[in-house]
Amino acid sequence: MAADTPPKTAPQPSATRTVVCPTCGGDSLYSPANRYRPFCGERCKQIDLGAWASEDFRMPTEAPPLDAQYGDPRVEH
C-alpha cells in the first residue's frame, strides 16, 4: 500500500431508506426529511390516526356473558 493512499473504510450506511407505507402500501422515504414517516404523506397518516380513534386496531376478545357483573368472580350472581 502506498504511503499517499488513504486507508479504505467501510461504506457508511445511508441515512435514508425506502419502506412500505403501512396505510397504502406505496413507497415511503424513511428519513428525518419525511415528517410523516413511516407514512408516505399526511393523508396516510390521518387515515391511520382515524383508524386508531375508531378502534379499528383493537385486540379481539370474548365478550362476557350478559348476566356477569363486570366479569368480577367475587360477585355472587
Protein backbone atom coordinates (compact mmCIF):
# COMPACT_ATOMS: atom_id res chain seq x y z
CA MET A 1 0.00 0.00 0.00
CA ALA A 2 1.41 3.36 -0.98
CA ALA A 3 2.03 5.96 1.69
CA ASP A 4 -0.16 8.55 -0.06
CA THR A 5 -3.20 6.24 -0.40
CA PRO A 6 -5.81 6.84 2.31
CA PRO A 7 -6.94 3.75 4.20
CA LYS A 8 -10.15 2.19 2.97
CA THR A 9 -13.11 2.49 5.28
CA ALA A 10 -16.38 0.64 5.24
CA PRO A 11 -19.13 2.42 3.30
CA GLN A 12 -21.37 4.45 5.54
CA PRO A 13 -24.98 3.28 5.71
CA SER A 14 -27.40 5.58 4.00
CA ALA A 15 -29.31 7.86 6.35
CA THR A 16 -32.41 7.35 4.24
CA ARG A 17 -34.18 4.25 3.06
CA THR A 18 -37.42 3.40 1.36
CA VAL A 19 -40.02 1.44 3.32
CA VAL A 20 -43.58 0.35 2.61
CA CYS A 21 -46.25 2.79 3.80
CA PRO A 22 -48.40 0.90 6.34
CA THR A 23 -51.59 2.53 5.05
CA CYS A 24 -51.42 2.46 1.25
CA GLY A 25 -48.55 0.05 0.63
CA GLY A 26 -46.68 2.55 -1.52
CA ASP A 27 -43.07 3.62 -1.18
CA SER A 28 -42.25 5.90 1.72
CA LEU A 29 -38.97 7.68 2.40
CA TYR A 30 -37.91 6.77 5.94
CA SER A 31 -35.68 9.65 6.94
CA PRO A 32 -35.83 12.77 9.10
CA ALA A 33 -36.71 14.71 5.94
CA ASN A 34 -40.10 12.92 5.79
CA ARG A 35 -42.09 14.39 8.66
CA TYR A 36 -44.86 11.81 8.11
CA ARG A 37 -42.62 8.72 8.42
CA PRO A 38 -43.32 5.81 8.32
CA PHE A 39 -46.23 7.03 6.18
CA CYS A 40 -45.78 8.38 2.68
CA GLY A 41 -47.73 11.57 3.36
CA GLU A 42 -50.21 13.44 5.52
CA ARG A 43 -53.25 11.67 4.05
CA CYS A 44 -52.00 8.19 5.02
CA LYS A 45 -51.00 9.45 8.47
CA GLN A 46 -54.51 10.87 9.01
CA ILE A 47 -56.17 7.66 7.78
CA ASP A 48 -54.13 5.69 10.33
CA LEU A 49 -55.00 8.15 13.11
CA GLY A 50 -58.69 7.82 12.24
CA ALA A 51 -58.44 4.04 12.37
CA TRP A 52 -56.92 4.22 15.86
CA ALA A 53 -59.59 6.71 17.00
CA SER A 54 -62.40 4.45 15.77
CA GLU A 55 -60.74 1.43 17.44
CA ASP A 56 -60.13 -0.45 14.19
CA PHE A 57 -56.87 -1.77 15.68
CA ARG A 58 -58.37 -3.23 18.86
CA MET A 59 -57.42 -6.68 20.10
CA PRO A 60 -60.12 -9.34 19.67
CA THR A 61 -61.67 -10.59 22.88
CA GLU A 62 -64.65 -12.58 24.01
CA ALA A 63 -67.50 -10.55 25.45
CA PRO A 64 -68.51 -11.53 28.98
CA PRO A 65 -71.95 -13.08 29.41
CA LEU A 66 -74.71 -10.52 29.81
CA ASP A 67 -75.54 -11.73 33.31
CA ALA A 68 -71.95 -11.39 34.57
CA GLN A 69 -71.33 -8.45 36.89
CA TYR A 70 -68.47 -6.76 35.03
CA GLY A 71 -66.56 -10.05 34.95
CA ASP A 72 -65.71 -9.94 38.69
CA PRO A 73 -65.64 -13.54 40.00
CA ARG A 74 -66.01 -12.36 43.63
CA VAL A 75 -69.51 -11.02 42.98
CA GLU A 76 -72.25 -13.59 43.51
CA HIS A 77 -74.94 -13.78 40.88
